[in-house]
Amino acid sequence: MAKKHIRFDWAAKKMLRDKKNFGILEGFLSELLGEDIKIEGLLESESNQEDEDEKFNRVDLFAENSKGEHIIIEIQNTRELDYLMRMLFATSKAITEYLPVGAKYGEIKKVIAVSIVYFDLGKGEDYVYVGQTKFKGLHTDTVLQLTTAQKKLLGKPTIHQAYPEYYLIRTTKFNDIVNDRLDEWIYFFKNSEVLDEFRAKGMSEVREKLNVMNLPNDELKRYNKFLESLHDEASYAETIKIEAEEAAANAARKVEEEFRDDEKKGIAFNLIKMNFPDEQIAQATGLDIAEVKKLRKHK
């Protein structure tokens, strides 16, 4: 039986920043990355500042795991066509922001960027995409490898493990069919529900700590207000989409009508040159007699 829980974006903004709730983030990241993740703490960043406006569209979490790697978790509700570039900006900022002045480039921290989006981003059928950097030979098609010294310096066996990695979760493409434990998390992201049979790491903490019924009354009111704002934004976005589609259809109809009108006039001009009577030209083209007479004056 499914039970309603607090939306993940609200929890990330209000609750998951508390160390006692890190188990929820650790569970999700462990299932996503395929390894046990231990979060040491949240890093100080502009993205960690509280927003007094409850109608936020984006939520950011910036954490450090037990390996010293930096993990960015971004949750985006509102459509942004350039969101992929925002992901690039966020990782670049994380790299430069946390490299000490005068430090060697080899001290750059690995960055893992995880984006959970609630709109159709890009073109593709999958609901989870992974982006990694690999250097392939232009002529040999072989992947560039690190030397033994480079592996020791970077603490990574391959180049892509030292470079930023991107994980993109598109909730709108998820069909609610749960095939593995990562799908359990994506089902929760999309539906704010946890099914009784879910056993993914961190789900027990979600059941315990993110139950809507556990919210204090004042917090519940703010949460419900937030849900209303999401409904309003979704309706507004749908209205804009419909209006844009109608405008495009009207423009297409206008162009088609103008083309047909020009086509009729072209036929009329030819018939005028052949000295057909105005009445016959009007009957043949569908133009008014007055329009035919006007065209005859300008032949």
Protein backbone atom coordinates (compact mmCIF):
# COMPACT_ATOMS: atom_id res chain seq x y z
CA MET A 1 0.00 0.00 0.00
CA ALA A 2 1.39 3.41 -0.99
CA LYS A 3 1.61 6.20 1.57
CA LYS A 4 2.02 9.87 0.80
CA HIS A 5 5.34 11.35 1.83
CA ILE A 6 6.94 14.77 1.67
CA ARG A 7 8.19 15.67 -1.79
CA PHE A 8 11.92 15.17 -2.13
CA ASP A 9 12.56 18.77 -3.21
CA TRP A 10 10.81 20.14 -0.12
CA ALA A 11 12.69 17.70 2.09
CA ALA A 12 15.99 18.67 0.46
CA LYS A 13 15.29 22.32 1.15
CA LYS A 14 14.00 21.95 4.70
CA MET A 15 15.07 18.65 6.24
CA LEU A 16 17.88 16.78 4.48
CA ARG A 17 20.44 19.43 5.44
CA ASP A 18 20.24 18.14 9.00
CA LYS A 19 22.99 15.58 9.70
CA LYS A 20 20.53 13.22 11.40
CA ASN A 21 18.76 12.89 8.04
CA PHE A 22 21.86 12.25 5.92
CA GLY A 23 20.87 8.58 5.73
CA ILE A 24 18.16 9.49 3.20
CA LEU A 25 20.65 11.13 0.84
CA GLU A 26 23.20 8.39 1.42
CA GLY A 27 20.63 5.75 0.53
CA PHE A 28 19.66 7.43 -2.73
CA LEU A 29 23.27 8.13 -3.79
CA SER A 30 24.35 4.59 -2.91
CA GLU A 31 21.68 3.11 -5.19
CA LEU A 32 22.47 5.59 -7.98
CA LEU A 33 26.26 5.23 -7.90
CA GLY A 34 26.35 1.53 -7.08
CA GLU A 35 28.54 1.91 -4.00
CA ASP A 36 28.09 2.76 -0.34
CA ILE A 37 28.13 6.52 0.07
CA LYS A 38 28.83 8.23 3.36
CA ILE A 39 28.16 11.97 3.53
CA GLU A 40 30.54 13.81 5.80
CA GLY A 41 28.68 17.09 5.66
CA LEU A 42 27.21 19.86 3.55
CA LEU A 43 29.64 22.34 2.07
CA GLU A 44 29.11 26.06 2.53
CA SER A 45 27.80 27.45 -0.73
CA GLU A 46 25.29 29.98 -1.98
CA SER A 47 23.07 27.04 -2.87
CA ASN A 48 22.83 26.12 0.81
CA GLN A 49 21.27 29.41 1.84
CA GLU A 50 17.64 29.28 2.92
CA ASP A 51 15.12 31.02 0.71
CA GLU A 52 12.31 32.83 2.49
CA ASP A 53 10.11 32.47 -0.59
CA GLU A 54 8.42 29.07 -0.49
CA LYS A 55 7.72 29.20 -4.23
CA PHE A 56 11.21 28.05 -5.14
CA ASN A 57 11.73 26.28 -8.46
CA ARG A 58 15.18 24.88 -7.84
CA VAL A 59 16.78 23.14 -4.90
CA ASP A 60 20.51 22.57 -4.55
CA LEU A 61 22.44 20.38 -2.14
CA PHE A 62 26.22 20.45 -2.06
CA ALA A 63 27.81 17.64 -0.05
CA GLU A 64 31.15 15.93 0.52
CA ASN A 65 31.43 12.16 0.86
CA SER A 66 33.91 10.06 2.80
CA LYS A 67 36.25 9.95 -0.24
CA GLY A 68 36.54 13.73 -0.27
CA GLU A 69 34.50 13.95 -3.47
CA HIS A 70 32.02 16.76 -3.94
CA ILE A 71 28.45 15.85 -4.80
CA ILE A 72 25.99 18.35 -6.23
CA ILE A 73 22.31 17.43 -6.12
CA GLU A 74 20.03 19.76 -8.07
CA ILE A 75 16.26 19.42 -8.22
CA GLN A 76 14.52 21.47 -10.90
CA ASN A 77 10.74 21.82 -11.29
CA THR A 78 10.42 24.52 -13.93
CA ARG A 79 11.42 24.00 -17.55
CA GLU A 80 14.74 25.59 -18.56
CA LEU A 81 15.95 25.05 -22.11
CA ASP A 82 19.53 25.83 -21.10
CA TYR A 83 19.50 23.64 -17.99
CA LEU A 84 22.24 21.38 -19.39
CA MET A 85 24.54 24.41 -19.42
CA ARG A 86 23.53 25.19 -15.84
CA MET A 87 24.77 21.71 -14.91
CA LEU A 88 28.11 22.56 -16.53
CA PHE A 89 28.28 25.89 -14.70
CA ALA A 90 27.56 24.25 -11.33
CA THR A 91 30.33 21.68 -11.70
CA SER A 92 32.80 24.28 -12.94
CA LYS A 93 31.99 26.51 -9.99
CA ALA A 94 32.40 23.63 -7.55
CA ILE A 95 35.82 22.84 -8.99
CA THR A 96 37.16 26.38 -8.78
CA GLU A 97 35.40 27.37 -5.55
CA TYR A 98 37.01 24.61 -3.51
CA LEU A 99 40.53 24.61 -4.95
CA PRO A 100 42.75 26.37 -2.39
CA VAL A 101 44.75 29.35 -3.62
CA GLY A 102 48.15 28.17 -4.87
CA ALA A 103 47.13 24.50 -4.82
CA LYS A 104 48.25 22.09 -7.54
CA TYR A 105 45.71 21.04 -10.15
CA GLY A 106 46.13 17.50 -8.92
CA GLU A 107 44.31 18.56 -5.75
CA ILE A 108 41.08 19.28 -7.64
CA LYS A 109 38.23 17.36 -6.05
CA LYS A 110 36.17 14.91 -8.03
CA VAL A 111 32.67 16.35 -8.67
CA ILE A 112 29.55 14.24 -9.10
CA ALA A 113 26.56 16.21 -10.34
CA VAL A 114 23.12 14.67 -9.89
CA SER A 115 20.13 16.42 -11.47
CA ILE A 116 16.52 15.44 -10.83
CA VAL A 117 14.26 17.26 -13.27
CA TYR A 118 10.47 17.36 -13.47
CA PHE A 119 10.20 18.32 -17.15
CA ASP A 120 11.23 16.87 -20.51
CA LEU A 121 14.90 17.77 -20.86
CA GLY A 122 16.54 16.85 -24.13
CA LYS A 123 15.39 14.19 -26.57
CA GLY A 124 15.63 10.53 -25.56
CA GLU A 125 13.59 7.64 -24.22
CA ASP A 126 15.57 6.73 -21.08
CA TYR A 127 14.84 8.28 -17.70
CA VAL A 128 18.40 8.09 -16.34
CA TYR A 129 21.42 9.32 -18.29
CA VAL A 130 25.09 9.28 -17.28
CA GLY A 131 27.69 11.67 -18.69
CA GLN A 132 31.44 11.01 -18.41
CA THR A 133 34.56 12.45 -20.00
CA LYS A 134 36.71 10.07 -22.05
CA PHE A 135 39.44 10.84 -24.57
CA LYS A 136 39.30 8.60 -27.65
CA GLY A 137 41.89 8.43 -30.39
CA LEU A 138 40.83 10.19 -33.57
CA HIS A 139 42.54 7.55 -35.73
CA THR A 140 42.77 4.51 -33.44
CA ASP A 141 39.47 4.86 -31.51
CA THR A 142 41.33 3.79 -28.35
CA VAL A 143 40.73 5.41 -24.96
CA LEU A 144 43.58 7.46 -23.48
CA GLN A 145 44.86 5.88 -20.26
CA LEU A 146 46.63 7.32 -17.23
CA THR A 147 50.24 6.50 -16.53
CA THR A 148 51.20 4.84 -13.26
CA ALA A 149 52.46 8.17 -11.93
CA GLN A 150 49.26 9.95 -12.90
CA LYS A 151 47.14 7.28 -11.23
CA LYS A 152 49.14 7.77 -8.04
CA LEU A 153 48.87 11.56 -8.20
CA LEU A 154 45.15 11.67 -8.97
CA GLY A 155 44.18 8.68 -6.87
CA LYS A 156 42.03 7.41 -9.75
CA PRO A 157 42.64 4.49 -12.14
CA THR A 158 41.03 6.18 -15.16
CA ILE A 159 40.59 9.69 -16.53
CA HIS A 160 36.79 9.71 -16.39
CA GLN A 161 36.91 8.84 -12.69
CA ALA A 162 38.93 11.98 -12.04
CA TYR A 163 36.75 14.23 -14.20
CA PRO A 164 33.24 15.39 -13.26
CA GLU A 165 30.40 12.93 -13.82
CA TYR A 166 26.80 13.84 -14.54
CA TYR A 167 23.70 11.88 -13.61
CA LEU A 168 20.46 13.14 -15.11
CA ILE A 169 17.15 11.74 -13.83
CA ARG A 170 14.13 12.71 -15.93
CA THR A 171 11.11 11.87 -13.79
CA THR A 172 8.63 12.61 -16.59
CA LYS A 173 10.02 9.70 -18.61
CA PHE A 174 9.68 7.19 -15.79
CA ASN A 175 6.73 4.85 -16.46
CA ASP A 176 6.18 3.86 -12.79
CA ILE A 177 7.38 0.32 -13.48
CA VAL A 178 9.88 -0.57 -10.74
CA ASN A 179 12.58 -2.98 -11.91
CA ASP A 180 15.33 -2.35 -9.35
CA ARG A 181 16.13 -0.44 -6.19
CA LEU A 182 17.13 2.72 -8.05
CA ASP A 183 13.69 2.68 -9.66
CA GLU A 184 12.19 2.67 -6.17
CA TRP A 185 13.84 6.02 -5.56
CA ILE A 186 12.73 7.45 -8.90
CA TYR A 187 9.19 6.27 -8.20
CA PHE A 188 9.37 8.19 -4.92
CA PHE A 189 10.74 11.31 -6.64
CA LYS A 190 7.89 11.28 -9.15
CA ASN A 191 4.98 10.27 -6.94
CA SER A 192 6.04 11.13 -3.36
CA GLU A 193 4.94 7.62 -2.44
CA VAL A 194 6.77 4.68 -0.89
CA LEU A 195 5.30 1.26 -1.60
CA ASP A 196 5.34 -1.36 1.17
CA GLU A 197 7.62 -3.63 -0.85
CA PHE A 198 10.34 -1.01 -1.37
CA ARG A 199 13.64 -2.15 0.10
CA ALA A 200 16.15 0.29 -1.40
CA LYS A 201 18.82 1.71 0.87
CA GLY A 202 17.46 4.76 2.69
CA MET A 203 13.79 3.88 2.16
CA SER A 204 13.31 2.97 5.82
CA GLU A 205 14.48 6.49 6.74
CA VAL A 206 12.09 7.97 4.16
CA ARG A 207 9.18 6.06 5.69
CA GLU A 208 10.13 7.21 9.18
CA LYS A 209 11.12 10.83 8.60
CA LEU A 210 9.30 12.01 5.47
CA ASN A 211 5.77 10.98 6.30
CA VAL A 212 3.52 13.98 5.70
CA MET A 213 1.57 13.20 8.86
CA ASN A 214 4.69 13.82 10.94
CA LEU A 215 4.89 17.49 9.98
CA PRO A 216 3.94 20.03 12.67
CA ASN A 217 0.78 22.00 11.82
CA ASP A 218 2.59 25.22 10.89
CA GLU A 219 5.06 23.33 8.69
CA LEU A 220 2.22 21.36 7.10
CA LYS A 221 0.51 24.61 6.13
CA ARG A 222 3.69 25.87 4.45
CA TYR A 223 4.12 22.52 2.71
CA ASN A 224 0.55 22.57 1.37
CA LYS A 225 1.10 26.13 0.18
CA PHE A 226 4.21 24.94 -1.65
CA LEU A 227 2.22 22.14 -3.33
CA GLU A 228 -0.39 24.68 -4.43
CA SER A 229 2.33 26.86 -5.95
CA LEU A 230 3.62 23.87 -7.93
CA HIS A 231 0.11 23.22 -9.26
CA ASP A 232 -0.19 26.89 -10.22
CA GLU A 233 3.15 26.83 -12.01
CA ALA A 234 2.24 23.62 -13.84
CA SER A 235 -1.04 25.16 -14.98
CA TYR A 236 0.71 28.34 -16.06
CA ALA A 237 3.32 26.37 -18.00
CA GLU A 238 0.58 24.33 -19.71
CA THR A 239 -1.31 27.53 -20.56
CA ILE A 240 1.81 29.07 -22.11
CA LYS A 241 2.38 25.86 -24.08
CA ILE A 242 -1.19 25.78 -25.42
CA GLU A 243 -1.12 29.48 -26.30
CA ALA A 244 2.18 29.02 -28.13
CA GLU A 245 0.78 26.05 -30.06
CA GLU A 246 -2.35 28.04 -30.98
CA ALA A 247 -0.25 31.02 -32.10
CA ALA A 248 1.91 28.74 -34.25
CA ALA A 249 -1.18 27.10 -35.77
CA ASN A 250 -2.76 30.49 -36.51
CA ALA A 251 0.45 31.70 -38.14
CA ALA A 252 0.61 28.56 -40.25
CA ARG A 253 -3.02 29.00 -41.33
CA LYS A 254 -2.37 32.63 -42.24
CA VAL A 255 0.63 31.69 -44.37
CA GLU A 256 -1.40 28.95 -46.07
CA GLU A 257 -4.28 31.35 -46.75
CA GLU A 258 -1.91 33.95 -48.17
CA PHE A 259 -0.31 31.29 -50.35
CA ARG A 260 -3.69 30.17 -51.66
CA ASP A 261 -4.73 33.78 -52.26
CA ASP A 262 -1.51 34.42 -54.20
CA GLU A 263 -2.09 31.23 -56.16
CA LYS A 264 -5.62 32.37 -57.12
CA LYS A 265 -4.31 35.76 -58.16
CA GLY A 266 -1.64 34.12 -60.30
CA ILE A 267 -4.24 32.06 -62.11
CA ALA A 268 -6.42 35.17 -62.54
CA PHE A 269 -3.52 37.11 -64.08
CA ASN A 270 -2.97 34.34 -66.63
CA LEU A 271 -6.68 34.27 -67.52
CA ILE A 272 -6.71 38.07 -67.83
CA LYS A 273 -3.81 37.88 -70.26
CA MET A 274 -5.83 35.37 -72.26
CA ASN A 275 -8.71 37.91 -72.36
CA PHE A 276 -11.19 35.82 -70.39
CA PRO A 277 -14.21 37.79 -69.14
CA ASP A 278 -14.14 38.94 -65.53
CA GLU A 279 -17.17 36.79 -64.64
CA GLN A 280 -15.50 33.59 -65.86
CA ILE A 281 -12.24 34.43 -64.10
CA ALA A 282 -14.10 35.03 -60.83
CA GLN A 283 -15.95 31.74 -61.21
CA ALA A 284 -12.76 29.83 -62.02
CA THR A 285 -10.63 31.28 -59.19
CA GLY A 286 -13.18 32.01 -56.47
CA LEU A 287 -12.14 35.68 -56.39
CA ASP A 288 -14.68 38.49 -56.19
CA ILE A 289 -15.51 40.36 -59.39
CA ALA A 290 -14.15 43.54 -57.80
CA GLU A 291 -10.81 41.80 -57.05
CA VAL A 292 -10.60 40.55 -60.66
CA LYS A 293 -11.27 44.06 -62.01
CA LYS A 294 -8.58 45.43 -59.68
CA LEU A 295 -6.08 42.86 -60.93
CA ARG A 296 -6.94 43.67 -64.54
CA LYS A 297 -6.01 47.32 -63.93
CA HIS A 298 -2.54 46.23 -62.69
CA LYS A 299 -1.76 43.62 -65.31
